[in-house]
Amino acid sequence: MIAEIQQAQRVETVKHSHQKSGVAARLQGASKNYENVRALDNVDFDVRTGELIALLGPNGAGKTTTVKLFLGLASPDSGVVSVFGGNPKSPQTRMRSGAMLQVAKVPETMRVREHIDLFRSYYPQPLPTQEIFAIAGLKDIQNRLFGDLSGGQRQRVLFALALCGDPDLIFLDEPTVGMDVEARRALWEQIRKLVARGKTVLLTTHYLEEADALADRIVVINKGKIIAEGTPAEIKKKTSGQMIRCISSLHIETVRAIPGVLEVKSDRESFEIRTAAAEPVLRELLIRDSTLRGVEVTNAGLEEAFLALTAENHKNL
């Protein structure tokens, strides 16, 4: 009984802090185990109202578990999960949330319009059908069977289903998988418009370019723990340095041994070298290899920061 009272007090505290801070969803000291695997380890995580937040991490990092907790599809073993200051499993909360999940299964023998009509019927104030078609780009395929669609077209339908209830909080799990470049950019634009309308979006993606292009804030999770958080620019700064791309006759181990080289990998005939400062490394490369060519120098990007952060976290475990 005491434990139940304490849990209720924690929920009330979280609800009050939601109202004061503009937080759409919150994990507070949340942990989750699956048998002997600790999927989340005492995680504190806020999704702020009106932002697009990208949750990044390697496979098995805890991204899917985090989304399941927010959707009420799983419960934490300890800690508190709240959405709009309440229980994520309550009907009122679920009516304000929409989700596009990779694990989603929809009947393949129904037409696109039938799927939209069915999902709209679940909500008291759904988006108009034509508006959903316009946002997701479904007008030309509305009468086709879901089973006859390409991978990218199916993704657009799943995106549309997530929007049927005009949700305030939208979860997008790998939304552009299977899309070509043009379709991906078109979906990015629609996601930006949703945020501009005041919607809150939690995005999980393996396309780091996507996170860089869309996110107001990035959270990096690994081994069930949050290891970095900030704007895309702040995350990139966590891995200071530059990238050198070049074609060299040197052996990769020789390049790796050059002072100032932090990391090197081979990409077809080229080397990709991460370094704190490019000029000293380039001078040494030219001394050792007079045939050096195809040299490009860029600042370290989000991909390099992500790889460095997760690698450093792995070493510290």
C-alpha atoms as a PDB file:
ATOM      1  CA  MET A   1       0.000   0.000   0.000  1.00  0.00           C
ATOM      2  CA  ILE A   2       2.837   2.394   0.861  1.00  0.00           C
ATOM      3  CA  ALA A   3       4.503   1.628  -2.472  1.00  0.00           C
ATOM      4  CA  GLU A   4       1.263   2.424  -4.326  1.00  0.00           C
ATOM      5  CA  ILE A   5       0.945   5.764  -2.502  1.00  0.00           C
ATOM      6  CA  GLN A   6       4.562   6.638  -3.316  1.00  0.00           C
ATOM      7  CA  GLN A   7       4.003   5.748  -6.980  1.00  0.00           C
ATOM      8  CA  ALA A   8       0.889   7.958  -7.088  1.00  0.00           C
ATOM      9  CA  GLN A   9       2.842  10.825  -5.522  1.00  0.00           C
ATOM     10  CA  ARG A  10       5.577  10.461  -8.158  1.00  0.00           C
ATOM     11  CA  VAL A  11       2.989  10.564 -10.950  1.00  0.00           C
ATOM     12  CA  GLU A  12       1.445  13.741  -9.480  1.00  0.00           C
ATOM     13  CA  THR A  13       4.900  15.332  -9.249  1.00  0.00           C
ATOM     14  CA  VAL A  14       5.600  14.478 -12.891  1.00  0.00           C
ATOM     15  CA  LYS A  15       2.204  15.814 -13.957  1.00  0.00           C
ATOM     16  CA  HIS A  16       2.857  19.124 -12.207  1.00  0.00           C
ATOM     17  CA  SER A  17       6.303  19.451 -13.818  1.00  0.00           C
ATOM     18  CA  HIS A  18       4.760  18.728 -17.253  1.00  0.00           C
ATOM     19  CA  GLN A  19       2.373  21.627 -16.856  1.00  0.00           C
ATOM     20  CA  LYS A  20       5.152  24.004 -15.825  1.00  0.00           C
ATOM     21  CA  SER A  21       7.842  23.011 -18.322  1.00  0.00           C
ATOM     22  CA  GLY A  22       6.010  22.328 -21.587  1.00  0.00           C
ATOM     23  CA  VAL A  23       6.973  18.651 -21.672  1.00  0.00           C
ATOM     24  CA  ALA A  24       4.881  16.387 -23.894  1.00  0.00           C
ATOM     25  CA  ALA A  25       6.352  13.102 -22.649  1.00  0.00           C
ATOM     26  CA  ARG A  26       8.774  12.116 -19.912  1.00  0.00           C
ATOM     27  CA  LEU A  27      10.747   9.164 -18.603  1.00  0.00           C
ATOM     28  CA  GLN A  28      11.891   9.622 -15.022  1.00  0.00           C
ATOM     29  CA  GLY A  29      14.343   7.049 -13.651  1.00  0.00           C
ATOM     30  CA  ALA A  30      12.911   4.485 -16.092  1.00  0.00           C
ATOM     31  CA  SER A  31      14.436   1.007 -16.293  1.00  0.00           C
ATOM     32  CA  LYS A  32      13.271  -1.976 -18.330  1.00  0.00           C
ATOM     33  CA  ASN A  33      14.596  -5.531 -18.457  1.00  0.00           C
ATOM     34  CA  TYR A  34      13.849  -8.311 -20.914  1.00  0.00           C
ATOM     35  CA  GLU A  35      14.933 -11.470 -19.067  1.00  0.00           C
ATOM     36  CA  ASN A  36      18.681 -10.967 -18.585  1.00  0.00           C
ATOM     37  CA  VAL A  37      18.946  -7.965 -20.943  1.00  0.00           C
ATOM     38  CA  ARG A  38      18.733  -4.451 -19.485  1.00  0.00           C
ATOM     39  CA  ALA A  39      17.103  -2.473 -22.277  1.00  0.00           C
ATOM     40  CA  LEU A  40      16.880   0.812 -20.324  1.00  0.00           C
ATOM     41  CA  ASP A  41      18.937   1.711 -17.275  1.00  0.00           C
ATOM     42  CA  ASN A  42      17.553   4.469 -15.025  1.00  0.00           C
ATOM     43  CA  VAL A  43      16.827   6.832 -17.930  1.00  0.00           C
ATOM     44  CA  ASP A  44      15.615  10.430 -17.576  1.00  0.00           C
ATOM     45  CA  PHE A  45      14.301  11.692 -20.900  1.00  0.00           C
ATOM     46  CA  ASP A  46      12.010  14.598 -21.847  1.00  0.00           C
ATOM     47  CA  VAL A  47      10.226  15.227 -25.130  1.00  0.00           C
ATOM     48  CA  ARG A  48       9.465  18.937 -25.165  1.00  0.00           C
ATOM     49  CA  THR A  49       6.265  20.336 -26.586  1.00  0.00           C
ATOM     50  CA  GLY A  50       6.558  21.576 -30.161  1.00  0.00           C
ATOM     51  CA  GLU A  51      10.009  20.150 -30.897  1.00  0.00           C
ATOM     52  CA  LEU A  52      11.293  17.487 -33.241  1.00  0.00           C
ATOM     53  CA  ILE A  53      13.642  15.277 -31.281  1.00  0.00           C
ATOM     54  CA  ALA A  54      15.712  12.547 -32.911  1.00  0.00           C
ATOM     55  CA  LEU A  55      16.539   9.475 -30.815  1.00  0.00           C
ATOM     56  CA  LEU A  56      19.683   7.861 -32.204  1.00  0.00           C
ATOM     57  CA  GLY A  57      21.547   4.728 -31.228  1.00  0.00           C
ATOM     58  CA  PRO A  58      22.913   1.431 -32.533  1.00  0.00           C
ATOM     59  CA  ASN A  59      20.658  -1.597 -32.847  1.00  0.00           C
ATOM     60  CA  GLY A  60      19.720  -2.789 -29.381  1.00  0.00           C
ATOM     61  CA  ALA A  61      20.516   0.569 -27.776  1.00  0.00           C
ATOM     62  CA  GLY A  62      17.058   1.041 -26.227  1.00  0.00           C
ATOM     63  CA  LYS A  63      15.292   3.191 -28.840  1.00  0.00           C
ATOM     64  CA  THR A  64      12.384   0.822 -29.460  1.00  0.00           C
ATOM     65  CA  THR A  65      11.888   0.210 -25.744  1.00  0.00           C
ATOM     66  CA  THR A  66      11.729   3.959 -25.139  1.00  0.00           C
ATOM     67  CA  VAL A  67       9.040   4.383 -27.801  1.00  0.00           C
ATOM     68  CA  LYS A  68       7.057   1.410 -26.453  1.00  0.00           C
ATOM     69  CA  LEU A  69       7.037   2.933 -22.972  1.00  0.00           C
ATOM     70  CA  PHE A  70       5.750   6.256 -24.310  1.00  0.00           C
ATOM     71  CA  LEU A  71       3.037   4.468 -26.310  1.00  0.00           C
ATOM     72  CA  GLY A  72       1.963   2.368 -23.351  1.00  0.00           C
ATOM     73  CA  LEU A  73       2.902  -0.827 -25.191  1.00  0.00           C
ATOM     74  CA  ALA A  74       5.260  -1.747 -22.339  1.00  0.00           C
ATOM     75  CA  SER A  75       5.622  -0.790 -18.692  1.00  0.00           C
ATOM     76  CA  PRO A  76       8.853   0.106 -16.889  1.00  0.00           C
ATOM     77  CA  ASP A  77      10.200  -2.198 -14.197  1.00  0.00           C
ATOM     78  CA  SER A  78      10.977   0.940 -12.196  1.00  0.00           C
ATOM     79  CA  GLY A  79      10.557   4.667 -12.645  1.00  0.00           C
ATOM     80  CA  VAL A  80       7.737   6.751 -14.091  1.00  0.00           C
ATOM     81  CA  VAL A  81       6.516   7.218 -17.666  1.00  0.00           C
ATOM     82  CA  SER A  82       4.083  10.009 -18.445  1.00  0.00           C
ATOM     83  CA  VAL A  83       2.616  11.484 -21.619  1.00  0.00           C
ATOM     84  CA  PHE A  84       0.807  14.829 -21.453  1.00  0.00           C
ATOM     85  CA  GLY A  85       1.195  14.510 -17.698  1.00  0.00           C
ATOM     86  CA  GLY A  86      -0.820  11.294 -17.512  1.00  0.00           C
ATOM     87  CA  ASN A  87      -0.755   7.559 -18.039  1.00  0.00           C
ATOM     88  CA  PRO A  88       0.392   6.657 -21.581  1.00  0.00           C
ATOM     89  CA  LYS A  89      -2.087   3.760 -21.565  1.00  0.00           C
ATOM     90  CA  SER A  90      -5.152   5.930 -20.929  1.00  0.00           C
ATOM     91  CA  PRO A  91      -7.598   6.369 -23.847  1.00  0.00           C
ATOM     92  CA  GLN A  92      -7.377  10.160 -23.520  1.00  0.00           C
ATOM     93  CA  THR A  93      -3.599  10.073 -23.954  1.00  0.00           C
ATOM     94  CA  ARG A  94      -3.696   7.629 -26.847  1.00  0.00           C
ATOM     95  CA  MET A  95      -6.201   9.799 -28.684  1.00  0.00           C
ATOM     96  CA  ARG A  96      -3.562  12.556 -28.722  1.00  0.00           C
ATOM     97  CA  SER A  97      -0.740  10.335 -29.967  1.00  0.00           C
ATOM     98  CA  GLY A  98       0.040   8.842 -33.361  1.00  0.00           C
ATOM     99  CA  ALA A  99       2.677   6.280 -34.242  1.00  0.00           C
ATOM    100  CA  MET A 100       4.389   5.008 -37.361  1.00  0.00           C
ATOM    101  CA  LEU A 101       6.184   1.809 -36.355  1.00  0.00           C
ATOM    102  CA  GLN A 102       8.282  -0.612 -38.387  1.00  0.00           C
ATOM    103  CA  VAL A 103       6.540  -3.518 -36.675  1.00  0.00           C
ATOM    104  CA  ALA A 104       3.125  -2.335 -37.865  1.00  0.00           C
ATOM    105  CA  LYS A 105       1.034  -4.910 -39.705  1.00  0.00           C
ATOM    106  CA  VAL A 106      -1.947  -3.882 -41.806  1.00  0.00           C
ATOM    107  CA  PRO A 107      -4.108  -6.064 -44.061  1.00  0.00           C
ATOM    108  CA  GLU A 108      -2.706  -6.251 -47.581  1.00  0.00           C
ATOM    109  CA  THR A 109      -6.105  -6.941 -49.187  1.00  0.00           C
ATOM    110  CA  MET A 110      -7.575  -3.563 -48.232  1.00  0.00           C
ATOM    111  CA  ARG A 111      -7.259  -0.487 -50.401  1.00  0.00           C
ATOM    112  CA  VAL A 112      -5.376   2.577 -49.252  1.00  0.00           C
ATOM    113  CA  ARG A 113      -8.568   4.630 -48.907  1.00  0.00           C
ATOM    114  CA  GLU A 114     -10.178   1.850 -46.859  1.00  0.00           C
ATOM    115  CA  HIS A 115      -7.269   1.865 -44.438  1.00  0.00           C
ATOM    116  CA  ILE A 116      -7.533   5.628 -44.014  1.00  0.00           C
ATOM    117  CA  ASP A 117     -11.315   5.500 -43.526  1.00  0.00           C
ATOM    118  CA  LEU A 118     -10.969   2.741 -40.924  1.00  0.00           C
ATOM    119  CA  PHE A 119      -8.309   4.556 -38.896  1.00  0.00           C
ATOM    120  CA  ARG A 120     -10.190   7.866 -39.078  1.00  0.00           C
ATOM    121  CA  SER A 121     -13.240   6.127 -37.584  1.00  0.00           C
ATOM    122  CA  TYR A 122     -11.296   5.485 -34.374  1.00  0.00           C
ATOM    123  CA  TYR A 123     -11.056   9.200 -33.526  1.00  0.00           C
ATOM    124  CA  PRO A 124     -13.724  11.738 -32.556  1.00  0.00           C
ATOM    125  CA  GLN A 125     -12.122  14.587 -34.565  1.00  0.00           C
ATOM    126  CA  PRO A 126      -9.952  13.061 -37.302  1.00  0.00           C
ATOM    127  CA  LEU A 127      -8.127  14.946 -40.003  1.00  0.00           C
ATOM    128  CA  PRO A 128     -10.148  15.281 -43.236  1.00  0.00           C
ATOM    129  CA  THR A 129      -9.420  12.462 -45.663  1.00  0.00           C
ATOM    130  CA  GLN A 130      -8.236  14.745 -48.448  1.00  0.00           C
ATOM    131  CA  GLU A 131      -5.838  16.524 -46.079  1.00  0.00           C
ATOM    132  CA  ILE A 132      -4.323  13.179 -45.074  1.00  0.00           C
ATOM    133  CA  PHE A 133      -3.936  12.219 -48.740  1.00  0.00           C
ATOM    134  CA  ALA A 134      -2.226  15.538 -49.470  1.00  0.00           C
ATOM    135  CA  ILE A 135       0.203  15.345 -46.552  1.00  0.00           C
ATOM    136  CA  ALA A 136       1.237  11.754 -47.268  1.00  0.00           C
ATOM    137  CA  GLY A 137       1.077  11.999 -51.076  1.00  0.00           C
ATOM    138  CA  LEU A 138      -1.530   9.251 -51.448  1.00  0.00           C
ATOM    139  CA  LYS A 139      -4.017  10.806 -53.874  1.00  0.00           C
ATOM    140  CA  ASP A 140      -2.771   8.853 -56.901  1.00  0.00           C
ATOM    141  CA  ILE A 141      -2.668   5.487 -55.088  1.00  0.00           C
ATOM    142  CA  GLN A 142      -5.751   5.749 -52.862  1.00  0.00           C
ATOM    143  CA  ASN A 143      -7.598   2.976 -54.733  1.00  0.00           C
ATOM    144  CA  ARG A 144      -4.705   0.503 -54.839  1.00  0.00           C
ATOM    145  CA  LEU A 145      -4.422  -2.532 -52.586  1.00  0.00           C
ATOM    146  CA  PHE A 146      -1.864  -2.147 -49.825  1.00  0.00           C
ATOM    147  CA  GLY A 147      -0.313  -5.472 -50.868  1.00  0.00           C
ATOM    148  CA  ASP A 148       0.430  -4.095 -54.351  1.00  0.00           C
ATOM    149  CA  LEU A 149       2.403  -1.078 -53.124  1.00  0.00           C
ATOM    150  CA  SER A 150       6.164  -0.612 -53.217  1.00  0.00           C
ATOM    151  CA  GLY A 151       8.144  -0.311 -50.002  1.00  0.00           C
ATOM    152  CA  GLY A 152       8.248   3.462 -50.200  1.00  0.00           C
ATOM    153  CA  GLN A 153       4.518   3.705 -50.916  1.00  0.00           C
ATOM    154  CA  ARG A 154       3.759   1.492 -47.920  1.00  0.00           C
ATOM    155  CA  GLN A 155       5.802   3.823 -45.745  1.00  0.00           C
ATOM    156  CA  ARG A 156       3.682   6.747 -46.926  1.00  0.00           C
ATOM    157  CA  VAL A 157       0.502   4.871 -46.008  1.00  0.00           C
ATOM    158  CA  LEU A 158       1.846   4.071 -42.524  1.00  0.00           C
ATOM    159  CA  PHE A 159       2.766   7.748 -42.150  1.00  0.00           C
ATOM    160  CA  ALA A 160      -0.806   8.681 -43.117  1.00  0.00           C
ATOM    161  CA  LEU A 161      -2.283   6.265 -40.571  1.00  0.00           C
ATOM    162  CA  ALA A 162      -0.213   7.899 -37.830  1.00  0.00           C
ATOM    163  CA  LEU A 163      -1.803  11.256 -38.714  1.00  0.00           C
ATOM    164  CA  CYS A 164      -5.453  10.168 -38.942  1.00  0.00           C
ATOM    165  CA  GLY A 165      -6.370  11.358 -35.452  1.00  0.00           C
ATOM    166  CA  ASP A 166      -4.659  14.754 -35.864  1.00  0.00           C
ATOM    167  CA  PRO A 167      -2.298  13.855 -32.979  1.00  0.00           C
ATOM    168  CA  ASP A 168      -0.362  16.332 -30.879  1.00  0.00           C
ATOM    169  CA  LEU A 169       2.510  13.864 -30.358  1.00  0.00           C
ATOM    170  CA  ILE A 170       3.784  11.771 -33.277  1.00  0.00           C
ATOM    171  CA  PHE A 171       6.255   8.887 -33.108  1.00  0.00           C
ATOM    172  CA  LEU A 172       8.068   8.180 -36.385  1.00  0.00           C
ATOM    173  CA  ASP A 173      10.162   5.008 -36.387  1.00  0.00           C
ATOM    174  CA  GLU A 174      12.451   4.896 -39.440  1.00  0.00           C
ATOM    175  CA  PRO A 175       9.847   6.747 -41.542  1.00  0.00           C
ATOM    176  CA  THR A 176      11.803   6.940 -44.823  1.00  0.00           C
ATOM    177  CA  VAL A 177      13.071   3.354 -45.098  1.00  0.00           C
ATOM    178  CA  GLY A 178      12.574   2.128 -48.666  1.00  0.00           C
ATOM    179  CA  MET A 179      12.034   5.597 -50.118  1.00  0.00           C
ATOM    180  CA  ASP A 180      14.021   7.093 -52.948  1.00  0.00           C
ATOM    181  CA  VAL A 181      15.764  10.439 -52.479  1.00  0.00           C
ATOM    182  CA  GLU A 182      12.916  12.510 -53.924  1.00  0.00           C
ATOM    183  CA  ALA A 183      10.246  10.805 -51.793  1.00  0.00           C
ATOM    184  CA  ARG A 184      12.429  11.087 -48.687  1.00  0.00           C
ATOM    185  CA  ARG A 185      12.907  14.837 -49.170  1.00  0.00           C
ATOM    186  CA  ALA A 186       9.174  15.282 -49.769  1.00  0.00           C
ATOM    187  CA  LEU A 187       8.374  13.506 -46.501  1.00  0.00           C
ATOM    188  CA  TRP A 188      10.951  15.637 -44.667  1.00  0.00           C
ATOM    189  CA  GLU A 189       9.105  18.721 -45.858  1.00  0.00           C
ATOM    190  CA  GLN A 190       5.778  17.395 -44.560  1.00  0.00           C
ATOM    191  CA  ILE A 191       7.344  16.549 -41.194  1.00  0.00           C
ATOM    192  CA  ARG A 192       8.705  20.101 -40.967  1.00  0.00           C
ATOM    193  CA  LYS A 193       5.216  21.455 -41.671  1.00  0.00           C
ATOM    194  CA  LEU A 194       3.750  19.327 -38.871  1.00  0.00           C
ATOM    195  CA  VAL A 195       6.250  20.781 -36.406  1.00  0.00           C
ATOM    196  CA  ALA A 196       5.520  24.293 -37.708  1.00  0.00           C
ATOM    197  CA  ARG A 197       1.855  23.642 -36.840  1.00  0.00           C
ATOM    198  CA  GLY A 198       2.862  22.955 -33.243  1.00  0.00           C
ATOM    199  CA  LYS A 199       3.037  19.166 -33.369  1.00  0.00           C
ATOM    200  CA  THR A 200       5.646  17.328 -31.303  1.00  0.00           C
ATOM    201  CA  VAL A 201       7.635  14.630 -33.127  1.00  0.00           C
ATOM    202  CA  LEU A 202       9.907  11.889 -31.790  1.00  0.00           C
ATOM    203  CA  LEU A 203      11.963  10.475 -34.661  1.00  0.00           C
ATOM    204  CA  THR A 204      14.117   7.366 -34.666  1.00  0.00           C
ATOM    205  CA  THR A 205      16.288   6.864 -37.727  1.00  0.00           C
ATOM    206  CA  HIS A 206      19.468   5.228 -38.950  1.00  0.00           C
ATOM    207  CA  TYR A 207      19.844   7.982 -41.560  1.00  0.00           C
ATOM    208  CA  LEU A 208      22.026  10.478 -39.701  1.00  0.00           C
ATOM    209  CA  GLU A 209      21.565  12.977 -42.525  1.00  0.00           C
ATOM    210  CA  GLU A 210      17.842  12.823 -41.732  1.00  0.00           C
ATOM    211  CA  ALA A 211      18.385  13.603 -38.061  1.00  0.00           C
ATOM    212  CA  ASP A 212      20.760  16.427 -38.960  1.00  0.00           C
ATOM    213  CA  ALA A 213      18.270  17.941 -41.398  1.00  0.00           C
ATOM    214  CA  LEU A 214      15.155  17.688 -39.211  1.00  0.00           C
ATOM    215  CA  ALA A 215      15.947  17.613 -35.507  1.00  0.00           C
ATOM    216  CA  ASP A 216      15.787  20.524 -33.090  1.00  0.00           C
ATOM    217  CA  ARG A 217      17.481  18.244 -30.560  1.00  0.00           C
ATOM    218  CA  ILE A 218      19.277  14.902 -30.743  1.00  0.00           C
ATOM    219  CA  VAL A 219      19.507  12.317 -27.979  1.00  0.00           C
ATOM    220  CA  VAL A 220      22.039   9.497 -28.392  1.00  0.00           C
ATOM    221  CA  ILE A 221      21.336   6.309 -26.471  1.00  0.00           C
ATOM    222  CA  ASN A 222      23.577   3.266 -26.140  1.00  0.00           C
ATOM    223  CA  LYS A 223      23.360   0.164 -23.960  1.00  0.00           C
ATOM    224  CA  GLY A 224      20.205   1.511 -22.333  1.00  0.00           C
ATOM    225  CA  LYS A 225      21.778   4.808 -21.230  1.00  0.00           C
ATOM    226  CA  ILE A 226      21.655   8.317 -22.689  1.00  0.00           C
ATOM    227  CA  ILE A 227      25.232   9.238 -23.575  1.00  0.00           C
ATOM    228  CA  ALA A 228      24.765  12.595 -25.332  1.00  0.00           C
ATOM    229  CA  GLU A 229      22.101  15.232 -25.855  1.00  0.00           C
ATOM    230  CA  GLY A 230      21.959  18.575 -27.657  1.00  0.00           C
ATOM    231  CA  THR A 231      21.274  20.324 -30.938  1.00  0.00           C
ATOM    232  CA  PRO A 232      22.837  18.766 -34.055  1.00  0.00           C
ATOM    233  CA  ALA A 233      25.581  21.424 -33.882  1.00  0.00           C
ATOM    234  CA  GLU A 234      26.264  20.652 -30.213  1.00  0.00           C
ATOM    235  CA  ILE A 235      26.470  16.920 -30.901  1.00  0.00           C
ATOM    236  CA  LYS A 236      28.930  17.523 -33.730  1.00  0.00           C
ATOM    237  CA  LYS A 237      31.112  19.632 -31.446  1.00  0.00           C
ATOM    238  CA  LYS A 238      31.499  16.654 -29.122  1.00  0.00           C
ATOM    239  CA  THR A 239      33.738  15.201 -31.807  1.00  0.00           C
ATOM    240  CA  SER A 240      36.005  18.065 -32.691  1.00  0.00           C
ATOM    241  CA  GLY A 241      38.237  17.603 -35.675  1.00  0.00           C
ATOM    242  CA  GLN A 242      38.288  17.146 -39.413  1.00  0.00           C
ATOM    243  CA  MET A 243      37.946  14.415 -41.986  1.00  0.00           C
ATOM    244  CA  ILE A 244      40.557  13.831 -44.688  1.00  0.00           C
ATOM    245  CA  ARG A 245      39.614  11.770 -47.705  1.00  0.00           C
ATOM    246  CA  CYS A 246      42.464  10.845 -50.031  1.00  0.00           C
ATOM    247  CA  ILE A 247      43.916   8.187 -52.321  1.00  0.00           C
ATOM    248  CA  SER A 248      47.277   6.905 -51.137  1.00  0.00           C
ATOM    249  CA  SER A 249      49.642   4.018 -51.850  1.00  0.00           C
ATOM    250  CA  LEU A 250      50.452   3.747 -48.130  1.00  0.00           C
ATOM    251  CA  HIS A 251      49.327   0.767 -46.067  1.00  0.00           C
ATOM    252  CA  ILE A 252      46.394   1.514 -43.753  1.00  0.00           C
ATOM    253  CA  GLU A 253      48.478   0.655 -40.671  1.00  0.00           C
ATOM    254  CA  THR A 254      51.112   3.184 -41.763  1.00  0.00           C
ATOM    255  CA  VAL A 255      48.448   5.870 -42.002  1.00  0.00           C
ATOM    256  CA  ARG A 256      46.988   4.844 -38.646  1.00  0.00           C
ATOM    257  CA  ALA A 257      50.412   5.321 -37.007  1.00  0.00           C
ATOM    258  CA  ILE A 258      50.817   8.939 -38.175  1.00  0.00           C
ATOM    259  CA  PRO A 259      50.712  11.336 -35.193  1.00  0.00           C
ATOM    260  CA  GLY A 260      47.363  13.107 -34.975  1.00  0.00           C
ATOM    261  CA  VAL A 261      45.350  10.391 -36.746  1.00  0.00           C
ATOM    262  CA  LEU A 262      42.404   9.448 -34.539  1.00  0.00           C
ATOM    263  CA  GLU A 263      40.755   6.940 -36.843  1.00  0.00           C
ATOM    264  CA  VAL A 264      41.198   5.663 -40.397  1.00  0.00           C
ATOM    265  CA  LYS A 265      39.143   3.378 -42.569  1.00  0.00           C
ATOM    266  CA  SER A 266      39.362   2.237 -46.156  1.00  0.00           C
ATOM    267  CA  ASP A 267      36.573   3.088 -48.592  1.00  0.00           C
ATOM    268  CA  ARG A 268      37.267   1.388 -51.931  1.00  0.00           C
ATOM    269  CA  GLU A 269      40.511   2.986 -53.153  1.00  0.00           C
ATOM    270  CA  SER A 270      40.348   5.906 -50.704  1.00  0.00           C
ATOM    271  CA  PHE A 271      41.183   6.434 -47.049  1.00  0.00           C
ATOM    272  CA  GLU A 272      38.867   8.305 -44.681  1.00  0.00           C
ATOM    273  CA  ILE A 273      40.965   9.769 -41.873  1.00  0.00           C
ATOM    274  CA  ARG A 274      39.601  11.467 -38.768  1.00  0.00           C
ATOM    275  CA  THR A 275      42.005  13.871 -37.105  1.00  0.00           C
ATOM    276  CA  ALA A 276      41.975  16.750 -34.642  1.00  0.00           C
ATOM    277  CA  ALA A 277      43.868  18.950 -37.135  1.00  0.00           C
ATOM    278  CA  ALA A 278      44.201  18.164 -40.833  1.00  0.00           C
ATOM    279  CA  GLU A 279      47.281  20.166 -41.850  1.00  0.00           C
ATOM    280  CA  PRO A 280      49.978  18.303 -39.854  1.00  0.00           C
ATOM    281  CA  VAL A 281      48.572  14.961 -40.974  1.00  0.00           C
ATOM    282  CA  LEU A 282      48.455  16.073 -44.610  1.00  0.00           C
ATOM    283  CA  ARG A 283      52.081  17.251 -44.461  1.00  0.00           C
ATOM    284  CA  GLU A 284      53.140  13.867 -43.126  1.00  0.00           C
ATOM    285  CA  LEU A 285      51.133  12.052 -45.773  1.00  0.00           C
ATOM    286  CA  LEU A 286      52.787  14.070 -48.549  1.00  0.00           C
ATOM    287  CA  ILE A 287      56.254  13.379 -47.119  1.00  0.00           C
ATOM    288  CA  ARG A 288      55.570   9.647 -47.074  1.00  0.00           C
ATOM    289  CA  ASP A 289      53.623   9.425 -50.331  1.00  0.00           C
ATOM    290  CA  SER A 290      54.474  11.732 -53.230  1.00  0.00           C
ATOM    291  CA  THR A 291      51.623  10.173 -55.258  1.00  0.00           C
ATOM    292  CA  LEU A 292      48.938  11.320 -52.780  1.00  0.00           C
ATOM    293  CA  ARG A 293      45.882  12.545 -54.677  1.00  0.00           C
ATOM    294  CA  GLY A 294      42.140  13.142 -54.491  1.00  0.00           C
ATOM    295  CA  VAL A 295      42.496  15.055 -51.218  1.00  0.00           C
ATOM    296  CA  GLU A 296      39.327  16.417 -49.592  1.00  0.00           C
ATOM    297  CA  VAL A 297      39.151  17.991 -46.131  1.00  0.00           C
ATOM    298  CA  THR A 298      35.866  18.554 -44.298  1.00  0.00           C
ATOM    299  CA  ASN A 299      34.793  19.223 -40.746  1.00  0.00           C
ATOM    300  CA  ALA A 300      33.637  16.173 -38.797  1.00  0.00           C
ATOM    301  CA  GLY A 301      29.896  15.654 -39.242  1.00  0.00           C
ATOM    302  CA  LEU A 302      27.086  14.015 -37.302  1.00  0.00           C
ATOM    303  CA  GLU A 303      28.042  10.530 -38.482  1.00  0.00           C
ATOM    304  CA  GLU A 304      31.585  10.900 -37.150  1.00  0.00           C
ATOM    305  CA  ALA A 305      30.269  12.313 -33.871  1.00  0.00           C
ATOM    306  CA  PHE A 306      27.773   9.458 -33.511  1.00  0.00           C
ATOM    307  CA  LEU A 307      30.392   6.783 -34.202  1.00  0.00           C
ATOM    308  CA  ALA A 308      32.869   8.385 -31.823  1.00  0.00           C
ATOM    309  CA  LEU A 309      30.317   8.759 -29.039  1.00  0.00           C
ATOM    310  CA  THR A 310      29.067   5.183 -29.236  1.00  0.00           C
ATOM    311  CA  ALA A 311      32.601   3.798 -29.582  1.00  0.00           C
ATOM    312  CA  GLU A 312      33.786   5.762 -26.545  1.00  0.00           C
ATOM    313  CA  ASN A 313      30.776   4.608 -24.552  1.00  0.00           C
ATOM    314  CA  HIS A 314      31.490   1.001 -25.514  1.00  0.00           C
ATOM    315  CA  LYS A 315      35.106   1.316 -24.341  1.00  0.00           C
ATOM    316  CA  ASN A 316      33.990   2.738 -20.993  1.00  0.00           C
ATOM    317  CA  LEU A 317      31.614  -0.115 -20.229  1.00  0.00           C
END
